[in-house]
Amino acid sequence: MEAPTESSIVDVNSKVPDTDTATSSLKQYDNVYFGDNPIVQLKLGAVGKIFYVHQGLICESSPFFRAAFTGGFKENSGSINLEEDDPDIFGHIVQWLYRGKLETLSKVEVDTGFDYWMKLFQLYVLADKYGMRLLKNAVMDLLFQTRDRRKNKETETHKPPQQSCVTYVYENTAPGSQLRRFLVIYYVWHIKLEWFNLSSTIEWLEANPAFGAELPQAFASRTTGASSPFYDRSSFNKSIRD
């Protein structure tokens, strides 16, 4: 079908932060002494690519890993296998853990196309699996920045998230996901209305009913004169930040 164009070791037994105070906690790792903080091994993907990460750091950021390494499901070997997870995407998580930002992705040329969108969506899904709320919010910020970076180019001829991205997101997220909502408002506010009238589009929406069912309310907001969420994120942020 036609595509739409602090200086002490982190106490791993402490409660996982559930507020934005975790942000400063992460930033402090630039100056943390890690000597007494054990290293854990994570094997990613079918090939078993190995990542070594400080236990305190990853447990501070993720209830999933905190449970695996310090909870009832503690791994005595200090290692965990994550065969189903993509090592390339996990590499961005490691970067975020130590740098506090998605530096590599932020520097990628946005005109590389929908593959760039897919990387961000895959990263969000993995962060959601691990319970990394702050990372999810960082990805969402980058999604909006991506749109802004595209918009600020000389032309608007860029590739939006393609149907394959929509399918991936809806197959890997739960109803109410902020990632789903992002896709809905993107399509409603940035895809020409004529595209929705194409027979191929109608067939695709029929094959993706969950996505199609969320479009009318967003269209109603657009047609009643509401401001685009891409120009005023306040209402959107209130609805997605969890």
Protein backbone atom coordinates (compact mmCIF):
# COMPACT_ATOMS: atom_id res chain seq x y z
CA MET A 1 0.00 0.00 0.00
CA GLU A 2 1.03 3.59 -0.39
CA ALA A 3 3.09 4.74 2.58
CA PRO A 4 2.37 8.03 4.33
CA THR A 5 4.76 10.13 3.26
CA GLU A 6 26.34 11.48 44.71
CA SER A 7 29.74 10.23 45.66
CA SER A 8 28.82 7.10 47.65
CA ILE A 9 27.81 3.66 46.52
CA VAL A 10 24.17 3.24 45.71
CA ASP A 11 22.37 1.11 48.25
CA VAL A 12 20.82 -1.56 46.07
CA ASN A 13 18.54 -2.56 48.95
CA SER A 14 16.94 0.84 49.03
CA LYS A 15 13.59 1.49 47.47
CA VAL A 16 13.65 2.10 43.75
CA PRO A 17 12.93 5.78 43.15
CA ASP A 18 9.48 6.41 41.83
CA THR A 19 9.77 10.15 41.31
CA ASP A 20 11.93 12.39 39.21
CA THR A 21 14.50 12.50 42.03
CA ALA A 22 15.96 9.53 40.21
CA THR A 23 17.17 11.93 37.55
CA SER A 24 19.70 13.57 39.87
CA SER A 25 20.63 10.14 41.20
CA LEU A 26 21.57 9.09 37.69
CA LYS A 27 23.54 12.23 36.99
CA GLN A 28 25.58 11.74 40.15
CA TYR A 29 27.02 8.55 38.68
CA ASP A 30 29.48 10.65 36.72
CA ASN A 31 31.42 11.06 40.00
CA VAL A 32 30.49 7.86 41.86
CA TYR A 33 33.22 5.52 43.10
CA PHE A 34 32.25 2.08 41.84
CA GLY A 35 34.97 0.05 43.58
CA ASP A 36 32.63 -1.69 46.04
CA ASN A 37 29.75 -1.95 43.64
CA PRO A 38 29.65 -5.40 42.00
CA ILE A 39 29.54 -5.87 38.28
CA VAL A 40 26.76 -7.97 36.80
CA GLN A 41 26.73 -9.69 33.45
CA LEU A 42 23.85 -9.50 31.04
CA LYS A 43 23.66 -11.71 27.97
CA LEU A 44 21.49 -10.28 25.22
CA GLY A 45 19.90 -11.82 22.21
CA ALA A 46 20.27 -15.21 20.57
CA VAL A 47 24.00 -14.65 20.09
CA GLY A 48 24.44 -13.92 23.79
CA LYS A 49 26.18 -10.55 23.45
CA ILE A 50 27.57 -9.67 26.88
CA PHE A 51 27.21 -6.39 28.69
CA TYR A 52 28.87 -5.65 32.05
CA VAL A 53 27.04 -3.12 34.21
CA HIS A 54 27.36 -1.94 37.80
CA GLN A 55 24.65 -3.69 39.77
CA GLY A 56 23.71 -0.68 41.86
CA LEU A 57 23.25 1.47 38.80
CA ILE A 58 20.95 -0.82 36.89
CA CYS A 59 18.98 -1.83 40.00
CA GLU A 60 18.47 1.81 40.93
CA SER A 61 16.93 2.41 37.54
CA SER A 62 14.90 -0.73 36.99
CA PRO A 63 12.57 -2.73 39.27
CA PHE A 64 12.94 -5.60 36.80
CA PHE A 65 16.69 -5.89 37.38
CA ARG A 66 16.39 -5.06 41.07
CA ALA A 67 14.14 -8.11 41.47
CA ALA A 68 16.49 -10.25 39.38
CA PHE A 69 19.68 -9.41 41.26
CA THR A 70 18.57 -8.50 44.80
CA GLY A 71 15.04 -9.82 45.23
CA GLY A 72 13.36 -13.19 45.48
CA PHE A 73 14.58 -14.14 42.01
CA LYS A 74 18.18 -13.18 42.76
CA GLU A 75 20.70 -14.68 40.36
CA ASN A 76 23.52 -16.19 42.49
CA SER A 77 25.91 -16.04 39.56
CA GLY A 78 25.45 -12.31 39.02
CA SER A 79 24.37 -12.99 35.47
CA ILE A 80 21.09 -12.95 33.61
CA ASN A 81 20.14 -14.13 30.13
CA LEU A 82 17.83 -11.98 28.05
CA GLU A 83 17.62 -13.98 24.85
CA GLU A 84 14.51 -12.24 23.57
CA ASP A 85 15.94 -8.73 23.80
CA ASP A 86 17.88 -6.93 21.09
CA PRO A 87 21.51 -6.24 22.11
CA ASP A 88 21.74 -3.23 19.82
CA ILE A 89 18.75 -1.58 21.49
CA PHE A 90 20.04 -2.57 24.94
CA GLY A 91 23.28 -0.77 24.13
CA HIS A 92 21.36 2.50 24.14
CA ILE A 93 20.02 1.65 27.60
CA VAL A 94 23.57 1.15 28.90
CA GLN A 95 24.58 4.47 27.42
CA TRP A 96 21.63 6.17 29.10
CA LEU A 97 22.47 4.53 32.45
CA TYR A 98 26.01 5.90 32.48
CA ARG A 99 25.58 9.12 30.56
CA GLY A 100 22.08 10.13 31.63
CA LYS A 101 21.08 10.84 28.04
CA LEU A 102 20.50 9.13 24.74
CA GLU A 103 23.56 10.71 23.22
CA THR A 104 24.01 8.50 20.16
CA LEU A 105 20.39 8.57 19.10
CA SER A 106 20.20 12.31 19.67
CA LYS A 107 23.00 12.83 17.15
CA VAL A 108 21.62 10.57 14.44
CA GLU A 109 20.54 12.34 11.27
CA VAL A 110 16.79 12.20 11.36
CA ASP A 111 16.43 11.82 7.61
CA THR A 112 17.68 8.22 7.84
CA GLY A 113 14.02 7.36 7.60
CA PHE A 114 11.58 5.16 9.42
CA ASP A 115 14.36 2.88 10.75
CA TYR A 116 15.21 5.71 13.13
CA TRP A 117 11.62 5.85 14.32
CA MET A 118 11.63 2.07 14.80
CA LYS A 119 14.76 2.21 16.96
CA LEU A 120 13.07 4.72 19.25
CA PHE A 121 9.92 2.62 19.44
CA GLN A 122 11.94 -0.54 20.21
CA LEU A 123 13.86 1.31 22.90
CA TYR A 124 10.65 2.52 24.50
CA VAL A 125 9.18 -1.00 24.49
CA LEU A 126 12.31 -2.44 26.13
CA ALA A 127 12.38 0.35 28.73
CA ASP A 128 8.74 -0.40 29.47
CA LYS A 129 9.55 -4.11 29.98
CA TYR A 130 12.26 -3.19 32.48
CA GLY A 131 10.10 -0.59 34.25
CA MET A 132 12.44 2.28 33.39
CA ARG A 133 9.95 5.12 33.59
CA LEU A 134 12.50 7.91 33.28
CA LEU A 135 14.00 6.32 30.20
CA LYS A 136 10.54 6.02 28.66
CA ASN A 137 10.03 9.73 29.21
CA ALA A 138 13.45 10.43 27.69
CA VAL A 139 12.48 8.49 24.59
CA MET A 140 9.21 10.37 24.36
CA ASP A 141 11.07 13.68 24.57
CA LEU A 142 13.34 12.52 21.76
CA LEU A 143 10.36 11.55 19.63
CA PHE A 144 9.03 15.08 19.89
CA GLN A 145 12.48 16.53 19.27
CA THR A 146 12.76 14.37 16.17
CA ARG A 147 9.64 15.93 14.80
CA ASP A 148 10.96 19.41 15.60
CA ARG A 149 14.32 18.67 13.95
CA ARG A 150 12.57 17.49 10.83
CA LYS A 151 10.26 20.50 10.81
CA ASN A 152 13.19 22.89 11.05
CA LYS A 153 14.72 21.58 7.84
CA GLU A 154 14.37 23.47 4.59
CA THR A 155 11.65 21.11 3.39
CA GLU A 156 8.99 18.95 4.97
CA THR A 157 9.81 15.96 2.75
CA HIS A 158 10.63 13.46 5.47
CA LYS A 159 9.44 9.98 6.22
CA PRO A 160 6.89 9.72 9.03
CA PRO A 161 6.61 6.55 11.14
CA GLN A 162 5.46 3.92 8.65
CA GLN A 163 2.71 1.33 9.02
CA SER A 164 5.26 -1.26 10.15
CA CYS A 165 6.06 1.00 13.11
CA VAL A 166 2.39 1.27 14.00
CA THR A 167 1.98 -2.51 13.81
CA TYR A 168 5.06 -3.07 15.99
CA VAL A 169 3.91 -0.60 18.63
CA TYR A 170 0.40 -2.01 18.86
CA GLU A 171 1.71 -5.58 19.05
CA ASN A 172 4.15 -4.75 21.86
CA THR A 173 2.32 -2.25 24.06
CA ALA A 174 -0.82 -2.29 26.18
CA PRO A 175 -3.93 -0.18 25.62
CA GLY A 176 -3.40 3.32 26.97
CA SER A 177 0.32 3.29 26.21
CA GLN A 178 1.80 6.74 25.68
CA LEU A 179 3.60 5.38 22.65
CA ARG A 180 0.30 4.46 21.04
CA ARG A 181 -1.03 7.91 21.77
CA PHE A 182 2.03 9.50 20.18
CA LEU A 183 1.46 7.60 16.96
CA VAL A 184 -2.21 8.50 16.90
CA ILE A 185 -1.62 12.22 17.26
CA TYR A 186 1.26 12.08 14.78
CA TYR A 187 -0.93 10.59 12.12
CA VAL A 188 -3.82 12.90 12.88
CA TRP A 189 -1.77 16.10 12.88
CA HIS A 190 0.92 15.36 10.29
CA ILE A 191 -0.46 13.02 7.66
CA LYS A 192 -2.51 14.60 4.89
CA LEU A 193 -6.19 13.89 5.25
CA GLU A 194 -6.35 12.64 1.67
CA TRP A 195 -4.22 9.63 2.63
CA PHE A 196 -6.93 8.39 4.97
CA ASN A 197 -9.37 8.19 2.05
CA LEU A 198 -7.20 5.86 -0.03
CA SER A 199 -8.66 2.38 -0.42
CA SER A 200 -5.33 0.85 0.60
CA THR A 201 -5.33 2.94 3.79
CA ILE A 202 -8.86 1.90 4.62
CA GLU A 203 -7.91 -1.77 4.17
CA TRP A 204 -4.86 -1.31 6.38
CA LEU A 205 -6.88 0.39 9.11
CA GLU A 206 -9.40 -2.45 9.00
CA ALA A 207 -6.50 -4.86 9.58
CA ASN A 208 -5.29 -2.69 12.49
CA PRO A 209 -8.56 -1.96 14.33
CA ALA A 210 -6.97 -0.92 17.65
CA PHE A 211 -5.13 1.93 15.93
CA GLY A 212 -8.10 2.84 13.77
CA ALA A 213 -10.40 2.99 16.80
CA GLU A 214 -8.25 5.65 18.45
CA LEU A 215 -8.18 8.01 15.50
CA PRO A 216 -11.71 9.54 15.65
CA GLN A 217 -11.31 11.24 19.03
CA ALA A 218 -7.99 12.73 17.98
CA PHE A 219 -9.52 13.91 14.71
CA ALA A 220 -12.35 15.51 16.67
CA SER A 221 -9.83 17.55 18.65
CA ARG A 222 -8.18 18.71 15.46
CA THR A 223 -11.36 19.67 13.67
CA THR A 224 -12.75 21.58 16.68
CA GLY A 225 -9.78 23.95 16.68
CA ALA A 226 -7.62 22.44 19.42
CA SER A 227 -3.92 23.30 19.38
CA SER A 228 -1.59 20.68 18.00
CA PRO A 229 0.11 18.67 20.77
CA PHE A 230 3.31 19.22 18.84
CA TYR A 231 3.08 22.95 19.52
CA ASP A 232 1.62 22.72 23.02
CA ARG A 233 2.68 19.55 24.84
CA SER A 234 1.17 20.46 28.24
CA SER A 235 -2.07 18.52 27.83
CA PHE A 236 -0.31 15.65 26.10
CA ASN A 237 2.31 15.38 28.85
CA LYS A 238 -0.37 15.28 31.52
CA SER A 239 -2.04 12.40 29.77
CA ILE A 240 1.07 10.28 29.15
CA ARG A 241 3.44 10.78 32.08
CA ASP A 242 3.03 7.85 34.46
